[in-house]
């Protein structure tokens, strides 16, 4: 009986997601209405995916859809919620790797303080003025939604690039749309990432999965995400940032692509610095570190790591129980590839 109820709840959640995030999703490419509807209904593809994957001329059965991604969120069940909650995820990962320090959190409009230094909204303002730059993000959310940079300059407060009075700043923190959030330190990325683009934090998305044949963890896929002037302060591809495929053997970057356009960039559109053929420093060591981290969490079959390269190593911004398929399939479909096989093994498709 319990399993039946659980299965029904899962189906209801997925049905809601299909209506809310596929059928009524905001798209960045113009697609005829009935073409969009056909893509939505037959396979769960977004209108954007119809363009990105060139489904007018290619076989959709070569590609995983948006709905496939939503179903994949349950692969790590019942442990997936551990990664979905940024506080819990940080508390676990800090035993194995550098993570951003959490200064304070808010849950159900109540502040949760981690030390005596920051306990009130006024304390948060003092902290921003002292630290110059911090980040606020939802406790449970993805795609860079609800992430803002809190910073100060000459004693003045800013959220992203907009100036705020102290009163307006506190109202922002108390706003009902920000019911559950954390405020963390701003990690300073290394010179390599700054050379790509120094106006955003540029993370690597590195995906580890447990090989269905050997039972061993492997690095399946990796991309370098790079922000632009339109995405400051984040780099998320879902907000229009650039994405480069990383050669898993050499750490070499491909050209940069975007989920919001069909443009291809060999140099950064804003900084004009080179992108294609740049090589991630200490790539072999980085791969080994990520595999070692995955082995500390053997109960998770799939982890999408968000990694920042820092002057003295790496910092894990967060770990995710699933990864959007768009950034993976910009370089080719995966339904009949390794990820598709992994999904079939876990009965996602």
Protein backbone atom coordinates (compact mmCIF):
# COMPACT_ATOMS: atom_id res chain seq x y z
CA UNK A 1 0.00 0.00 0.00
CA UNK A 2 2.80 2.40 0.96
CA UNK A 3 4.66 1.69 -2.30
CA UNK A 4 1.50 2.30 -4.33
CA UNK A 5 0.91 5.68 -2.66
CA UNK A 6 4.55 6.62 -3.16
CA UNK A 7 4.35 5.70 -6.84
CA UNK A 8 1.16 7.75 -7.28
CA UNK A 9 2.76 10.78 -5.62
CA UNK A 10 5.75 10.47 -7.95
CA UNK A 11 3.47 10.31 -11.00
CA UNK A 12 1.55 13.38 -9.81
CA UNK A 13 4.80 15.31 -9.31
CA UNK A 14 6.05 14.40 -12.77
CA UNK A 15 2.67 15.32 -14.30
CA UNK A 16 2.85 18.72 -12.60
CA UNK A 17 6.41 19.22 -13.87
CA UNK A 18 5.34 18.32 -17.42
CA UNK A 19 2.58 20.92 -17.41
CA UNK A 20 4.53 23.60 -15.58
CA UNK A 21 8.03 23.23 -17.01
CA UNK A 22 7.49 21.70 -20.41
CA UNK A 23 4.04 22.58 -21.78
CA UNK A 24 4.05 26.11 -20.29
CA UNK A 25 7.82 26.61 -20.20
CA UNK A 26 9.30 29.90 -21.32
CA UNK A 27 11.30 29.29 -24.48
CA UNK A 28 14.07 31.35 -26.05
CA UNK A 29 13.61 30.19 -29.64
CA UNK A 30 10.54 30.88 -31.76
CA UNK A 31 8.85 27.65 -32.81
CA UNK A 32 5.41 27.28 -34.49
CA UNK A 33 2.78 26.51 -31.86
CA UNK A 34 1.78 23.09 -33.19
CA UNK A 35 5.42 22.11 -33.65
CA UNK A 36 6.06 23.04 -30.02
CA UNK A 37 2.97 21.13 -28.89
CA UNK A 38 4.07 18.05 -30.83
CA UNK A 39 7.54 18.21 -29.25
CA UNK A 40 6.01 18.62 -25.78
CA UNK A 41 3.52 15.77 -26.09
CA UNK A 42 5.54 13.20 -28.04
CA UNK A 43 8.61 12.68 -25.92
CA UNK A 44 8.57 15.62 -23.51
CA UNK A 45 10.91 17.90 -25.49
CA UNK A 46 11.01 21.64 -25.01
CA UNK A 47 10.56 23.93 -27.99
CA UNK A 48 14.14 25.09 -27.30
CA UNK A 49 15.35 21.51 -27.58
CA UNK A 50 13.59 21.22 -30.94
CA UNK A 51 15.93 23.99 -32.18
CA UNK A 52 19.07 23.10 -30.22
CA UNK A 53 18.95 19.46 -31.32
CA UNK A 54 17.77 20.37 -34.84
CA UNK A 55 14.89 17.91 -34.51
CA UNK A 56 13.40 19.02 -37.82
CA UNK A 57 16.25 17.21 -39.57
CA UNK A 58 17.55 14.77 -36.95
CA UNK A 59 15.91 11.81 -35.24
CA UNK A 60 14.49 12.75 -31.85
CA UNK A 61 15.08 9.16 -30.74
CA UNK A 62 18.80 10.01 -30.61
CA UNK A 63 18.16 12.54 -27.85
CA UNK A 64 17.08 12.54 -24.23
CA UNK A 65 14.26 14.97 -23.50
CA UNK A 66 13.53 17.44 -20.74
CA UNK A 67 11.01 15.00 -19.29
CA UNK A 68 13.68 12.26 -19.24
CA UNK A 69 15.81 14.60 -17.14
CA UNK A 70 13.01 15.17 -14.63
CA UNK A 71 12.52 11.41 -14.28
CA UNK A 72 16.27 10.97 -13.73
CA UNK A 73 16.05 13.00 -10.52
CA UNK A 74 14.84 9.86 -8.76
CA UNK A 75 17.87 7.72 -9.64
CA UNK A 76 19.52 8.40 -6.26
CA UNK A 77 16.29 7.93 -4.29
CA UNK A 78 15.95 8.02 -1.30
CA UNK A 79 19.23 9.96 -1.01
CA UNK A 80 18.56 12.54 -3.74
CA UNK A 81 17.11 15.01 -1.24
CA UNK A 82 20.45 15.10 0.53
CA UNK A 83 21.94 16.91 -2.47
CA UNK A 84 18.83 18.99 -3.21
CA UNK A 85 19.20 20.72 0.15
CA UNK A 86 22.27 22.99 -0.01
CA UNK A 87 22.71 23.12 3.76
CA UNK A 88 22.72 19.35 4.18
CA UNK A 89 24.92 18.93 1.11
CA UNK A 90 27.46 21.45 2.43
CA UNK A 91 27.51 19.90 5.90
CA UNK A 92 28.38 16.51 4.38
CA UNK A 93 30.88 17.61 1.74
CA UNK A 94 32.90 19.85 4.08
CA UNK A 95 34.41 16.71 5.63
CA UNK A 96 36.09 15.83 2.32
CA UNK A 97 36.66 19.01 0.33
CA UNK A 98 36.60 22.80 0.50
CA UNK A 99 33.06 24.22 0.29
CA UNK A 100 31.78 27.81 0.64
CA UNK A 101 31.28 28.79 4.27
CA UNK A 102 27.65 29.35 5.24
CA UNK A 103 27.33 32.44 7.43
CA UNK A 104 23.60 32.41 8.07
CA UNK A 105 20.41 30.87 6.70
CA UNK A 106 16.71 31.59 6.75
CA UNK A 107 14.04 28.89 6.88
CA UNK A 108 10.32 29.61 7.20
CA UNK A 109 11.25 33.26 7.77
CA UNK A 110 13.37 32.39 10.82
CA UNK A 111 17.08 33.13 10.83
CA UNK A 112 19.45 30.24 11.53
CA UNK A 113 22.80 31.55 12.73
CA UNK A 114 26.02 29.57 12.59
CA UNK A 115 28.01 31.72 15.00
CA UNK A 116 27.70 34.66 17.36
CA UNK A 117 28.99 37.05 14.71
CA UNK A 118 25.94 36.99 12.44
CA UNK A 119 22.54 36.61 14.11
CA UNK A 120 20.35 39.45 12.82
CA UNK A 121 19.57 41.28 9.58
CA UNK A 122 21.72 44.18 10.76
CA UNK A 123 24.55 41.73 11.32
CA UNK A 124 24.17 40.56 7.72
CA UNK A 125 24.59 44.14 6.50
CA UNK A 126 27.71 44.54 8.63
CA UNK A 127 29.06 41.29 7.22
CA UNK A 128 28.48 42.39 3.62
CA UNK A 129 30.28 45.68 4.30
CA UNK A 130 33.18 43.83 5.90
CA UNK A 131 33.52 40.96 3.41
CA UNK A 132 32.73 43.14 0.35
CA UNK A 133 31.09 40.25 -1.50
CA UNK A 134 28.79 37.38 -0.53
CA UNK A 135 26.21 35.21 -2.27
CA UNK A 136 22.60 34.49 -1.33
CA UNK A 137 20.88 31.48 -2.84
CA UNK A 138 17.79 29.34 -2.21
CA UNK A 139 18.26 26.32 0.03
CA UNK A 140 16.68 24.13 -2.63
CA UNK A 141 16.76 25.30 -6.25
CA UNK A 142 18.72 24.86 -9.43
CA UNK A 143 19.63 26.53 -12.72
CA UNK A 144 20.96 29.59 -10.90
CA UNK A 145 17.45 30.65 -9.92
CA UNK A 146 17.32 33.02 -6.97
CA UNK A 147 21.09 33.47 -6.80
CA UNK A 148 22.22 37.03 -6.11
CA UNK A 149 25.51 38.68 -5.28
CA UNK A 150 25.44 40.83 -2.15
CA UNK A 151 28.28 43.31 -2.14
CA UNK A 152 29.41 46.68 -0.88
CA UNK A 153 31.54 49.47 -2.21
CA UNK A 154 32.55 52.49 -0.16
CA UNK A 155 30.00 51.48 2.46
CA UNK A 156 27.14 51.34 -0.07
CA UNK A 157 25.09 48.17 -0.50
CA UNK A 158 24.34 46.45 -3.79
CA UNK A 159 22.41 43.38 -4.87
CA UNK A 160 23.99 42.33 -8.15
CA UNK A 161 24.52 45.75 -9.75
CA UNK A 162 21.54 47.57 -8.19
CA UNK A 163 22.15 49.90 -5.21
CA UNK A 164 20.05 49.30 -2.09
CA UNK A 165 19.42 51.32 1.04
CA UNK A 166 19.76 49.42 4.32
CA UNK A 167 15.99 49.41 4.74
CA UNK A 168 15.38 48.11 1.21
CA UNK A 169 18.17 45.55 1.65
CA UNK A 170 16.52 44.11 4.78
CA UNK A 171 13.14 44.03 3.03
CA UNK A 172 14.76 42.02 0.25
CA UNK A 173 16.02 39.49 2.81
CA UNK A 174 12.61 39.25 4.42
CA UNK A 175 10.74 39.05 1.12
CA UNK A 176 8.33 36.13 0.92
CA UNK A 177 9.91 35.07 -2.37
CA UNK A 178 13.14 34.45 -0.47
CA UNK A 179 11.60 32.40 2.33
CA UNK A 180 14.40 29.82 2.50
CA UNK A 181 17.94 30.87 1.69
CA UNK A 182 21.57 30.72 2.71
CA UNK A 183 24.26 33.39 2.61
CA UNK A 184 27.73 32.10 1.81
CA UNK A 185 31.20 33.40 1.25
CA UNK A 186 32.15 34.39 -2.29
CA UNK A 187 34.86 32.01 -3.49
CA UNK A 188 37.74 33.63 -5.37
CA UNK A 189 38.46 31.68 -8.53
CA UNK A 190 41.98 31.15 -9.89
CA UNK A 191 43.71 33.03 -12.68
CA UNK A 192 42.69 30.53 -15.37
CA UNK A 193 38.98 31.13 -14.74
CA UNK A 194 39.47 34.89 -14.42
CA UNK A 195 41.18 34.92 -17.80
CA UNK A 196 38.12 33.29 -19.35
CA UNK A 197 35.87 35.99 -17.83
CA UNK A 198 36.46 37.82 -14.57
CA UNK A 199 32.97 39.29 -14.04
CA UNK A 200 31.36 35.97 -13.08
CA UNK A 201 32.21 32.88 -11.10
CA UNK A 202 32.92 30.27 -13.79
CA UNK A 203 32.24 26.72 -12.66
CA UNK A 204 33.01 23.33 -14.10
CA UNK A 205 30.12 20.87 -14.23
CA UNK A 206 31.69 17.42 -13.77
CA UNK A 207 29.38 14.40 -13.86
CA UNK A 208 30.29 11.17 -12.14
CA UNK A 209 28.23 8.02 -12.43
CA UNK A 210 28.53 4.45 -11.25
CA UNK A 211 29.34 2.30 -14.26
CA UNK A 212 26.47 -0.18 -14.70
CA UNK A 213 28.91 -2.94 -15.74
CA UNK A 214 31.80 -2.52 -13.29
CA UNK A 215 30.04 -0.80 -10.36
CA UNK A 216 32.95 1.67 -10.24
CA UNK A 217 32.63 5.44 -10.36
CA UNK A 218 33.84 7.20 -13.49
CA UNK A 219 33.89 10.71 -14.86
CA UNK A 220 31.27 10.56 -17.59
CA UNK A 221 31.15 14.16 -18.84
CA UNK A 222 32.50 17.62 -18.06
CA UNK A 223 31.87 21.15 -19.26
CA UNK A 224 33.31 24.54 -18.45
CA UNK A 225 30.61 27.13 -17.85
CA UNK A 226 31.48 30.76 -18.49
CA UNK A 227 29.33 33.77 -17.66
CA UNK A 228 28.74 36.78 -19.88
CA UNK A 229 27.72 40.39 -19.35
CA UNK A 230 24.10 39.20 -19.55
CA UNK A 231 24.42 36.61 -16.74
CA UNK A 232 26.44 38.48 -14.09
CA UNK A 233 27.04 37.32 -11.36
CA UNK A 234 26.42 33.67 -12.34
CA UNK A 235 27.51 31.51 -15.25
CA UNK A 236 24.53 29.17 -15.62
CA UNK A 237 23.81 27.92 -19.11
CA UNK A 238 20.10 28.05 -18.31
CA UNK A 239 20.46 31.82 -17.88
CA UNK A 240 22.30 32.28 -21.16
CA UNK A 241 25.87 31.58 -20.09
CA UNK A 242 28.40 29.87 -22.32
CA UNK A 243 29.21 26.16 -22.17
CA UNK A 244 32.36 24.43 -23.43
CA UNK A 245 32.85 20.70 -23.73
CA UNK A 246 35.96 19.46 -21.91
CA UNK A 247 38.01 16.68 -23.46
CA UNK A 248 38.11 14.09 -20.68
CA UNK A 249 41.60 12.92 -21.59
CA UNK A 250 43.40 16.25 -21.99
CA UNK A 251 41.20 18.87 -20.25
CA UNK A 252 41.07 20.93 -23.47
CA UNK A 253 38.11 23.26 -24.02
CA UNK A 254 35.99 23.14 -27.14
CA UNK A 255 34.32 26.18 -28.68
CA UNK A 256 31.66 27.77 -26.46
CA UNK A 257 27.96 27.33 -27.13
CA UNK A 258 24.80 28.67 -25.52
CA UNK A 259 21.38 27.28 -24.66
CA UNK A 260 19.76 30.55 -25.75
CA UNK A 261 21.24 30.92 -29.24
CA UNK A 262 22.91 28.93 -32.01
CA UNK A 263 26.02 31.11 -31.98
CA UNK A 264 29.41 29.47 -31.53
CA UNK A 265 32.25 31.33 -29.81
CA UNK A 266 35.96 30.59 -30.06
CA UNK A 267 36.70 33.72 -28.03
CA UNK A 268 34.65 35.29 -25.26
CA UNK A 269 32.07 37.76 -26.68
CA UNK A 270 32.76 40.32 -23.94
CA UNK A 271 36.34 39.89 -22.74
CA UNK A 272 37.61 38.81 -26.21
CA UNK A 273 39.89 36.34 -24.44
CA UNK A 274 40.45 32.93 -26.08
CA UNK A 275 38.24 29.99 -25.12
CA UNK A 276 38.73 27.20 -27.63
CA UNK A 277 41.86 25.07 -27.05
CA UNK A 278 42.46 26.46 -23.56
CA UNK A 279 43.49 23.67 -21.18
CA UNK A 280 42.20 23.19 -17.62
CA UNK A 281 45.26 23.30 -15.32
CA UNK A 282 46.13 20.14 -13.38
CA UNK A 283 43.38 18.25 -15.19
CA UNK A 284 44.54 14.72 -14.30
CA UNK A 285 44.73 15.59 -10.61
CA UNK A 286 41.29 17.22 -10.76
CA UNK A 287 39.74 14.10 -12.31
CA UNK A 288 41.23 11.94 -9.57
CA UNK A 289 39.89 14.27 -6.86
CA UNK A 290 36.36 14.13 -8.25
CA UNK A 291 36.38 10.33 -8.46
CA UNK A 292 37.69 10.18 -4.88
CA UNK A 293 34.84 12.44 -3.76
CA UNK A 294 32.28 10.23 -5.48
CA UNK A 295 33.71 7.21 -3.66
CA UNK A 296 33.03 8.94 -0.33
CA UNK A 297 29.32 8.84 -1.27
CA UNK A 298 28.88 5.26 -2.56
CA UNK A 299 25.09 5.37 -2.11
CA UNK A 300 24.76 7.98 -4.90
CA UNK A 301 24.90 6.51 -8.41
CA UNK A 302 24.91 9.88 -10.18
CA UNK A 303 26.39 13.20 -9.07
CA UNK A 304 26.75 16.45 -11.02
CA UNK A 305 29.50 18.42 -9.28
CA UNK A 306 29.81 22.21 -9.60
CA UNK A 307 33.50 22.93 -9.18
CA UNK A 308 35.45 26.15 -8.86
CA UNK A 309 39.19 26.15 -9.42
CA UNK A 310 40.82 28.19 -6.64
CA UNK A 311 44.47 29.20 -6.21
CA UNK A 312 45.19 26.30 -3.85
CA UNK A 313 43.01 23.56 -5.39
CA UNK A 314 39.26 23.20 -5.83
CA UNK A 315 36.04 24.20 -4.11
CA UNK A 316 32.75 22.38 -4.56
CA UNK A 317 29.97 24.96 -4.82
CA UNK A 318 27.31 22.27 -4.78
CA UNK A 319 26.57 18.72 -5.85
CA UNK A 320 23.40 17.78 -7.71
CA UNK A 321 21.43 14.55 -7.95
CA UNK A 322 20.78 15.13 -11.65
CA UNK A 323 21.94 17.32 -14.50
CA UNK A 324 20.06 19.04 -17.27
CA UNK A 325 20.54 17.14 -20.52
CA UNK A 326 20.85 20.24 -22.71
CA UNK A 327 24.46 21.04 -21.82
CA UNK A 328 25.38 17.39 -22.40
CA UNK A 329 23.64 17.06 -25.77
CA UNK A 330 24.86 20.28 -27.38
CA UNK A 331 27.55 18.02 -28.82
CA UNK A 332 25.31 15.13 -29.81
CA UNK A 333 22.43 12.99 -28.60
CA UNK A 334 22.81 10.60 -25.68
CA UNK A 335 19.67 8.44 -25.78
CA UNK A 336 21.63 5.70 -27.57
CA UNK A 337 24.88 6.54 -25.80
CA UNK A 338 26.33 5.90 -22.37
CA UNK A 339 23.93 8.19 -20.51
CA UNK A 340 20.95 6.60 -22.26
CA UNK A 341 22.20 3.16 -21.24
CA UNK A 342 22.63 4.40 -17.66
CA UNK A 343 19.07 5.77 -17.67
CA UNK A 344 17.72 2.49 -19.04
CA UNK A 345 19.53 0.53 -16.35
CA UNK A 346 17.80 2.72 -13.73
CA UNK A 347 14.44 2.46 -15.54
CA UNK A 348 14.28 6.19 -16.35
CA UNK A 349 13.62 5.49 -20.04
